[in-house]
Protein backbone atom coordinates (compact mmCIF):
# COMPACT_ATOMS: atom_id res chain seq x y z
CA MET A 1 39.39 -102.68 45.41
CA ALA A 2 38.65 -99.12 46.19
CA ASP A 3 35.08 -98.26 47.19
CA ARG A 4 33.74 -95.82 44.52
CA THR A 5 30.26 -95.54 46.02
CA LYS A 6 29.06 -92.21 47.45
CA ASP A 7 27.45 -92.07 50.87
CA ILE A 8 25.00 -89.20 50.63
CA TRP A 9 24.41 -89.30 54.36
CA ASN A 10 28.01 -89.08 55.50
CA ASP A 11 29.66 -87.17 52.63
CA ASP A 12 31.62 -84.02 53.58
CA ASP A 13 30.84 -82.17 50.32
CA GLY A 14 28.76 -79.66 52.21
CA GLU A 15 31.76 -78.73 54.31
CA GLU A 16 33.84 -78.28 51.18
CA ALA A 17 31.16 -76.08 49.59
CA SER A 18 31.13 -73.80 52.59
CA SER A 19 34.90 -73.49 52.82
CA PRO A 20 36.44 -69.94 52.77
CA LYS A 21 38.00 -70.61 49.37
CA HIS A 22 34.66 -71.64 47.91
CA ARG A 23 32.90 -68.62 49.38
CA ARG A 24 35.55 -66.30 47.88
CA LEU A 25 35.16 -67.90 44.47
CA LYS A 26 31.39 -67.59 44.74
CA GLY A 27 31.75 -63.92 45.76
CA PHE A 28 33.99 -63.17 42.79
CA ALA A 29 31.57 -64.92 40.47
CA LEU A 30 28.63 -62.88 41.77
CA PHE A 31 30.67 -59.65 41.48
CA PHE A 32 31.63 -60.29 37.87
CA LEU A 33 28.09 -61.38 37.03
CA THR A 34 26.73 -58.15 38.52
CA LEU A 35 29.39 -56.12 36.71
CA ALA A 36 28.50 -57.81 33.43
CA VAL A 37 24.81 -56.99 33.92
CA VAL A 38 25.58 -53.34 34.76
CA LEU A 39 27.91 -53.01 31.80
CA GLY A 40 25.28 -54.58 29.58
CA VAL A 41 22.67 -52.05 30.68
CA VAL A 42 25.15 -49.20 30.26
CA LEU A 43 26.18 -50.37 26.80
CA VAL A 44 22.54 -50.61 25.72
CA ALA A 45 21.97 -47.04 26.95
CA ALA A 46 25.20 -45.89 25.33
CA TYR A 47 24.20 -47.46 22.04
CA ARG A 48 20.79 -45.81 22.23
CA ASP A 49 21.74 -42.21 23.06
CA GLY A 50 25.37 -42.10 24.13
CA THR A 51 24.63 -41.17 27.74
CA GLY A 52 25.63 -44.54 29.21
CA PHE A 53 29.31 -43.84 28.74
CA ASP A 54 28.84 -40.52 30.55
CA VAL A 55 27.33 -42.40 33.50
CA LEU A 56 30.53 -44.45 33.69
CA ARG A 57 32.67 -41.32 33.37
CA ARG A 58 30.86 -39.67 36.26
CA HIS A 59 31.02 -42.83 38.37
CA PHE A 60 34.77 -43.31 37.95
CA ASN A 61 35.46 -39.57 38.28
CA TYR A 62 33.30 -38.85 41.32
CA GLY A 63 32.38 -42.25 42.78
CA ARG A 64 29.51 -41.99 45.24
CA ALA A 65 29.37 -38.18 45.39
CA GLU A 66 26.05 -36.73 46.46
CA LYS A 67 23.68 -35.97 43.61
CA SER A 68 22.49 -32.75 45.14
CA GLY A 69 25.96 -31.32 45.62
CA ALA A 70 25.08 -30.49 49.22
CA ASP A 71 28.59 -29.27 49.95
CA ALA A 72 30.12 -26.32 48.12
CA VAL A 73 32.73 -27.42 45.60
CA TYR A 74 34.03 -23.93 44.79
CA GLN A 75 33.95 -20.74 46.86
CA TYR A 76 34.65 -17.18 45.70
CA ASP A 77 33.83 -13.56 46.50
CA ALA A 78 30.39 -12.32 45.61
CA SER A 79 30.22 -9.78 42.78
CA ALA A 80 27.57 -8.64 40.35
CA HIS A 81 30.31 -8.68 37.69
CA ASN A 82 31.32 -12.32 38.16
CA ARG A 83 31.77 -14.41 35.00
CA PHE A 84 32.27 -18.18 35.12
CA ALA A 85 33.76 -20.84 32.85
CA VAL A 86 34.31 -24.59 33.22
CA LEU A 87 37.78 -25.92 32.42
CA GLY A 88 37.70 -29.68 32.97
CA ASP A 89 37.33 -30.08 36.74
CA SER A 90 38.40 -26.48 37.37
CA LEU A 91 36.31 -23.32 37.51
CA ALA A 92 37.48 -19.92 36.26
CA VAL A 93 35.92 -16.92 38.01
CA LEU A 94 36.45 -13.44 36.57
CA SER A 95 35.16 -10.18 38.04
CA ASP A 96 36.05 -6.54 37.51
CA THR A 97 38.72 -6.81 40.25
CA SER A 98 40.03 -10.40 40.23
CA LEU A 99 40.67 -13.51 38.15
CA ARG A 100 40.77 -16.86 39.95
CA LEU A 101 41.09 -20.48 38.88
CA LEU A 102 39.73 -22.98 41.39
CA GLY A 103 40.62 -26.69 41.31
CA ARG A 104 38.32 -29.66 41.78
CA ASP A 105 38.72 -29.65 45.56
CA GLY A 106 38.25 -25.90 45.76
CA GLU A 107 41.95 -25.08 45.99
CA GLU A 108 43.17 -21.92 44.29
CA LEU A 109 45.34 -22.77 41.27
CA PHE A 110 45.83 -19.20 40.04
CA SER A 111 44.81 -15.71 41.04
CA ALA A 112 45.46 -12.19 39.83
CA ASN A 113 44.19 -8.73 40.70
CA VAL A 114 42.69 -7.02 37.66
CA GLN A 115 40.92 -3.80 36.77
CA LEU A 116 38.26 -4.47 34.14
CA GLU A 117 35.22 -2.34 33.42
CA SER A 118 33.47 -4.99 31.29
CA PRO A 119 34.84 -8.45 32.17
CA ALA A 120 34.45 -11.18 29.52
CA LEU A 121 35.28 -14.89 29.67
CA THR A 122 35.23 -17.33 26.76
CA THR A 123 36.38 -20.94 26.37
CA GLY A 124 37.58 -23.38 23.72
CA GLY A 125 40.02 -26.24 23.35
CA GLY A 126 40.29 -26.74 27.11
CA ARG A 127 41.32 -23.12 27.63
CA ALA A 128 39.74 -19.86 28.69
CA ALA A 129 40.40 -16.30 27.57
CA ALA A 130 39.75 -13.70 30.28
CA TYR A 131 39.77 -10.00 29.43
CA GLY A 132 37.87 -6.75 29.68
CA VAL A 133 36.15 -5.20 26.70
CA GLY A 134 38.00 -1.93 26.15
CA GLY A 135 40.98 -3.13 28.18
CA THR A 136 44.50 -4.05 27.09
CA VAL A 137 45.31 -7.21 29.10
CA LEU A 138 44.25 -10.74 28.15
CA TYR A 139 44.87 -13.90 30.18
CA ILE A 140 44.88 -17.43 28.77
CA LEU A 141 44.19 -20.22 31.28
CA ASP A 142 43.87 -23.99 31.15
CA GLU A 143 42.55 -26.22 33.94
CA LYS A 144 45.94 -26.21 35.69
CA GLY A 145 46.71 -22.49 35.68
CA LEU A 146 47.98 -19.56 33.65
CA VAL A 147 49.18 -20.30 30.09
CA LYS A 148 50.03 -16.80 28.87
CA THR A 149 49.35 -13.11 29.47
CA PHE A 150 49.00 -10.68 26.56
CA GLN A 151 49.62 -6.97 27.09
CA LEU A 152 48.22 -4.95 24.19
CA ASP A 153 49.15 -1.44 23.21
CA GLU A 154 47.09 1.34 24.80
CA GLU A 155 45.92 2.31 21.31
CA GLU A 156 44.60 -1.21 20.65
CA PRO A 157 41.89 -1.87 23.26
CA LEU A 158 40.21 -5.26 23.11
CA ILE A 159 36.88 -5.79 21.39
CA ALA A 160 36.55 -9.57 21.54
CA ALA A 161 38.50 -12.84 21.83
CA SER A 162 37.68 -16.45 20.96
CA LEU A 163 39.27 -19.91 21.18
CA ASN A 164 38.57 -22.76 18.76
CA HIS A 165 38.44 -26.48 19.62
CA GLU A 166 42.21 -26.77 19.21
CA GLY A 167 42.96 -23.81 21.48
CA TRP A 168 43.84 -21.36 18.69
CA LEU A 169 43.14 -17.76 19.69
CA ALA A 170 41.59 -14.93 17.65
CA VAL A 171 41.91 -11.44 19.17
CA THR A 172 39.84 -8.55 17.80
CA ALA A 173 40.94 -5.06 18.84
CA GLU A 174 40.76 -1.43 17.83
CA LYS A 175 43.73 0.05 16.01
CA LYS A 176 44.81 3.61 15.27
CA ASN A 177 44.09 4.71 11.67
CA TYR A 178 42.01 1.54 11.09
CA LYS A 179 38.49 0.38 11.93
CA ALA A 180 39.88 -2.70 13.71
CA CYS A 181 42.52 -5.43 13.61
CA VAL A 182 42.43 -9.20 14.17
CA SER A 183 45.38 -11.35 15.26
CA VAL A 184 45.54 -15.16 15.28
CA TYR A 185 47.70 -17.22 17.65
CA ASN A 186 48.32 -20.97 17.41
CA GLN A 187 48.15 -23.46 20.29
CA GLU A 188 51.61 -22.38 21.47
CA MET A 189 50.31 -18.78 21.54
CA GLU A 190 52.58 -17.71 18.68
CA LYS A 191 51.16 -15.15 16.24
CA VAL A 192 50.58 -16.75 12.84
CA PHE A 193 48.26 -14.26 11.11
CA ASP A 194 46.83 -10.76 11.39
CA PHE A 195 44.98 -8.25 9.28
CA ASN A 196 43.86 -4.63 9.58
CA SER A 197 40.36 -3.60 8.53
CA SER A 198 40.21 -0.16 6.96
CA ARG A 199 36.65 -0.22 5.53
CA ARG A 200 34.45 -1.76 8.22
CA PHE A 201 34.30 -2.26 11.96
CA VAL A 202 34.98 -5.81 13.18
CA SER A 203 32.87 -7.03 16.10
CA ASP A 204 34.08 -10.63 16.49
CA ALA A 205 36.22 -13.32 14.87
CA CYS A 206 37.02 -17.01 15.22
CA VAL A 207 39.45 -19.58 13.83
CA THR A 208 37.88 -22.64 12.21
CA ASP A 209 38.39 -25.93 14.04
CA ASP A 210 40.73 -27.23 11.33
CA CYS A 211 42.90 -24.15 12.04
CA GLY A 212 42.85 -23.27 8.36
CA TYR A 213 40.61 -20.19 8.19
CA LEU A 214 39.72 -17.05 10.10
CA ALA A 215 36.11 -15.83 10.02
CA ALA A 216 35.65 -12.15 10.96
CA VAL A 217 32.31 -10.42 11.49
CA THR A 218 32.23 -6.92 10.01
CA LEU A 219 29.45 -4.34 10.36
CA GLY A 220 28.14 -1.95 7.73
CA GLN A 221 25.23 -0.71 5.63
CA GLU A 222 24.19 -1.39 2.06
CA THR A 223 21.46 0.68 0.34
CA GLY A 224 20.20 1.81 3.72
CA THR A 225 20.01 -1.74 5.12
CA PHE A 226 22.06 -2.85 8.09
CA VAL A 227 24.34 -5.77 7.15
CA SER A 228 26.66 -8.04 9.08
CA ASN A 229 29.24 -9.43 6.67
CA VAL A 230 31.41 -12.44 7.50
CA VAL A 231 34.82 -12.28 5.80
CA LEU A 232 36.88 -15.48 5.50
CA TYR A 233 40.67 -15.56 5.33
CA ASP A 234 42.89 -18.51 4.45
CA LEU A 235 45.56 -18.30 7.17
CA THR A 236 48.26 -18.96 4.58
CA LYS A 237 47.26 -16.01 2.39
CA THR A 238 46.76 -12.28 2.82
CA ASP A 239 43.67 -11.62 0.67
CA PRO A 240 40.13 -12.61 1.69
CA ALA A 241 39.08 -16.06 0.45
CA ALA A 242 35.29 -15.53 0.58
CA ASP A 243 32.50 -13.71 2.41
CA TYR A 244 28.75 -13.87 3.04
CA ASP A 245 26.06 -11.55 4.44
CA VAL A 246 23.69 -11.79 7.37
CA ARG A 247 21.15 -9.16 6.33
CA ASP A 248 18.99 -7.17 8.74
CA GLY A 249 20.63 -8.90 11.69
CA LEU A 250 23.23 -8.04 14.29
CA VAL A 251 25.60 -10.98 14.73
CA MET A 252 26.16 -11.69 18.41
CA HIS A 253 28.35 -14.79 18.12
CA ILE A 254 30.31 -16.75 15.54
CA GLY A 255 31.68 -20.27 15.96
CA GLU A 256 31.77 -23.67 14.30
CA GLN A 257 29.81 -26.90 14.60
CA ASN A 258 30.50 -30.05 12.56
CA GLY A 259 32.29 -28.14 9.82
CA SER A 260 29.70 -25.35 9.52
CA LEU A 261 30.24 -21.75 10.58
CA VAL A 262 27.41 -20.77 12.93
CA THR A 263 26.46 -17.13 13.33
CA VAL A 264 23.86 -16.23 15.93
CA ALA A 265 22.15 -12.95 15.11
CA ASP A 266 19.25 -11.22 16.80
CA ASN A 267 16.89 -12.35 14.03
CA GLN A 268 18.25 -15.63 12.69
CA LEU A 269 20.73 -18.46 12.89
CA THR A 270 22.94 -18.77 9.80
CA LEU A 271 25.10 -21.74 8.83
CA ALA A 272 27.73 -21.42 6.11
CA GLY A 273 30.88 -23.01 4.72
CA THR A 274 34.40 -21.63 4.41
CA ASP A 275 33.62 -21.16 0.71
CA GLY A 276 31.31 -18.31 1.70
CA LYS A 277 28.14 -20.16 0.69
CA VAL A 278 25.22 -20.02 3.11
CA ARG A 279 24.03 -23.59 3.65
CA SER A 280 20.92 -22.88 5.69
CA THR A 281 19.22 -20.39 7.99
CA TYR A 282 16.81 -20.64 10.90
CA SER A 283 14.60 -17.59 11.34
CA TYR A 284 13.15 -16.66 14.71
CA ALA A 285 10.10 -15.26 12.86
CA SER A 286 8.40 -12.78 15.19
CA ALA A 287 10.05 -14.09 18.37
CA TYR A 288 12.76 -12.29 20.36
CA LEU A 289 16.07 -13.95 21.12
CA ARG A 290 16.66 -13.94 24.86
CA GLU A 291 19.47 -16.48 25.36
CA PHE A 292 21.51 -18.94 23.32
CA ASP A 293 24.37 -21.41 23.64
CA CYS A 294 26.40 -23.02 20.85
CA GLY A 295 28.28 -25.43 23.11
CA GLY A 296 26.20 -28.44 22.13
CA ASP A 297 27.53 -31.32 20.08
CA GLY A 298 26.16 -30.43 16.64
CA TYR A 299 23.30 -28.18 17.73
CA THR A 300 22.50 -24.71 19.06
CA VAL A 301 20.00 -24.05 21.82
CA LEU A 302 17.88 -20.88 21.65
CA LEU A 303 15.48 -19.32 24.13
CA LEU A 304 12.93 -17.35 22.13
CA ASN A 305 10.40 -15.10 23.84
CA ARG A 306 7.03 -14.26 22.40
CA TYR A 307 7.28 -10.72 23.73
CA GLN A 308 10.21 -8.41 24.45
CA SER A 309 9.56 -8.85 28.17
CA GLY A 310 7.99 -11.64 30.13
CA SER A 311 8.59 -15.38 30.35
CA VAL A 312 6.31 -16.84 27.68
CA GLY A 313 8.26 -18.41 24.87
CA ARG A 314 9.99 -21.48 23.46
CA LEU A 315 13.16 -23.43 24.07
CA VAL A 316 14.50 -24.61 20.71
CA THR A 317 17.38 -26.79 19.53
CA VAL A 318 18.61 -26.36 15.95
CA GLY A 319 20.93 -28.76 14.11
CA THR A 320 23.75 -27.89 11.73
CA ASP A 321 21.37 -28.43 8.81
CA GLY A 322 19.37 -25.43 10.01
CA GLU A 323 16.39 -27.61 10.89
CA GLU A 324 14.65 -27.50 14.22
CA ILE A 325 15.46 -30.60 16.26
CA ALA A 326 12.93 -29.96 19.00
CA SER A 327 10.85 -27.20 20.58
CA LEU A 328 9.48 -26.85 24.09
CA ASP A 329 6.96 -24.24 25.24
CA VAL A 330 7.97 -22.51 28.46
CA ASN A 331 5.75 -20.36 30.67
CA GLY A 332 8.08 -19.89 33.64
CA GLU A 333 11.07 -17.70 34.29
CA ILE A 334 14.35 -19.15 33.03
CA LEU A 335 17.49 -17.85 34.72
CA SER A 336 20.08 -19.43 32.44
CA VAL A 337 20.62 -21.85 29.57
CA SER A 338 23.82 -23.82 29.06
CA ALA A 339 24.71 -26.55 26.53
CA ALA A 340 27.63 -28.98 26.46
CA GLY A 341 28.00 -32.20 24.51
CA ARG A 342 24.62 -33.95 24.38
CA TYR A 343 23.08 -32.07 27.30
CA VAL A 344 21.21 -28.80 27.86
CA ALA A 345 20.95 -27.35 31.38
CA VAL A 346 17.99 -25.04 31.97
CA LEU A 347 17.84 -23.29 35.33
CA TYR A 348 14.33 -22.28 36.38
CA THR A 349 13.63 -20.22 39.49
CA ASP A 350 13.26 -23.30 41.72
CA SER A 351 14.70 -26.22 39.76
CA LEU A 352 17.37 -27.39 37.36
CA VAL A 353 16.32 -29.52 34.41
CA ILE A 354 18.82 -31.24 32.13
CA TYR A 355 17.50 -32.11 28.68
CA ASN A 356 18.93 -33.97 25.72
CA PRO A 357 18.96 -32.26 22.27
CA ASP A 358 15.43 -33.64 21.67
CA LEU A 359 14.41 -31.67 24.78
CA GLN A 360 13.46 -34.85 26.62
CA VAL A 361 14.16 -34.65 30.36
CA TYR A 362 17.37 -36.41 31.36
CA ALA A 363 17.56 -35.32 35.01
CA THR A 364 15.87 -32.91 37.42
CA LEU A 365 16.94 -31.26 40.66
CA LYS A 366 14.45 -29.41 42.85
CA GLY A 367 15.09 -26.69 45.40
CA THR A 368 17.63 -24.61 43.49
CA GLY A 369 16.41 -21.21 44.62
CA TYR A 370 19.92 -20.35 45.79
CA ALA A 371 21.37 -20.59 42.25
CA ARG A 372 21.44 -17.86 39.64
CA GLU A 373 23.26 -19.69 36.84
CA ALA A 374 23.95 -23.26 35.71
CA LEU A 375 26.96 -24.43 33.75
CA MET A 376 26.54 -27.68 31.81
CA ARG A 377 29.49 -30.05 31.47
CA SER A 378 29.99 -32.57 28.67
CA ASP A 379 29.88 -35.59 31.02
CA GLY A 380 26.28 -34.79 32.01
CA SER A 381 27.09 -33.11 35.32
CA ALA A 382 26.29 -29.46 35.99
CA LEU A 383 27.56 -26.69 38.24
CA LEU A 384 24.99 -24.62 40.10
CA ILE A 385 26.35 -21.10 40.52
CA ALA A 386 25.30 -19.11 43.57
CA SER A 387 26.51 -15.68 44.69
CA GLU A 388 29.50 -17.00 46.69
CA SER A 389 29.79 -20.71 45.84
CA ALA A 390 29.22 -23.33 43.16
CA LYS A 391 27.83 -26.81 43.76
CA LEU A 392 28.09 -29.91 41.61
CA PHE A 393 25.01 -31.84 40.49
CA LEU A 394 25.55 -35.45 39.38
CA PRO A 395 22.52 -37.03 37.66
């Protein structure tokens, strides 16, 4: 009969437990347990404010990259006219003499010599429009390179250009015998709509994110009062569909957030529908608008100064209902403000602070005296722009 007793003194179970196979299984178990704990923490954070998923995005995209961005990611020629735009992992750099697109590792993906007196760079739908105000050449780029070049007639110099979230392009230009003209191009850069304005000047225009309407900002006067009027066109029809006024204010930007047209004027923020009805406004009261960015996910960030000069003021975020989300008093010099997704990058003279829309601090980087601009990215990372290079900051 077989002996089924167990000799605890002479058993070899300890040897089996310490075998290579057992150690590997134990290692795998610990790895998956650790991964489960990390994922649990991330999911809790993601459920709370959505930032946990961005942590994973940054980790898988950049791995163990240095937080401080000690090494330059992008390098370019110094110029007081430089304009910058983020396109995925690429950086577009436009000056009065050159246009360059730099890849993630700093390699040059596209370059062109240009002659622009007033360079301008705008983004939307993963693309950038590079042009000069008063010029006749417009370049469309994506993160891989050049998409298309537009050569306008000499009698139709550019006033403004914009791209919506789907990459549709609206080009505003002067036109002989008219105050201005606006042309709309779809994602394939084919012209699908245009109109000529004979009564009023047009300062800017945008295509709604559903690609159904064009909103054009016209300038004029009514009974001695300066008025910015937004005219809406159904892209399938020739006559205006609706319009609304922004009284006593000069509109500096028009775009869309969560189905609302957002116009940033020097005196107020106005939110309206494509039916021409103003849904809400946010007045700056007696404050002066110094900077703004509409790149946030459902909010606009404003830097409002108490005086026309100086650095005493407020940083404000405003939702698409026209209500103030949060306000933060600032008493130091702010060099730039940039919003993307659920993050706001504020560059002070010696530090970069990334806030959420509630203006709670998400991340801070000290010792940024070399930077003159910060560009926020939707994954929570930011580019610190210096005179000849840009560095990546990973919270």
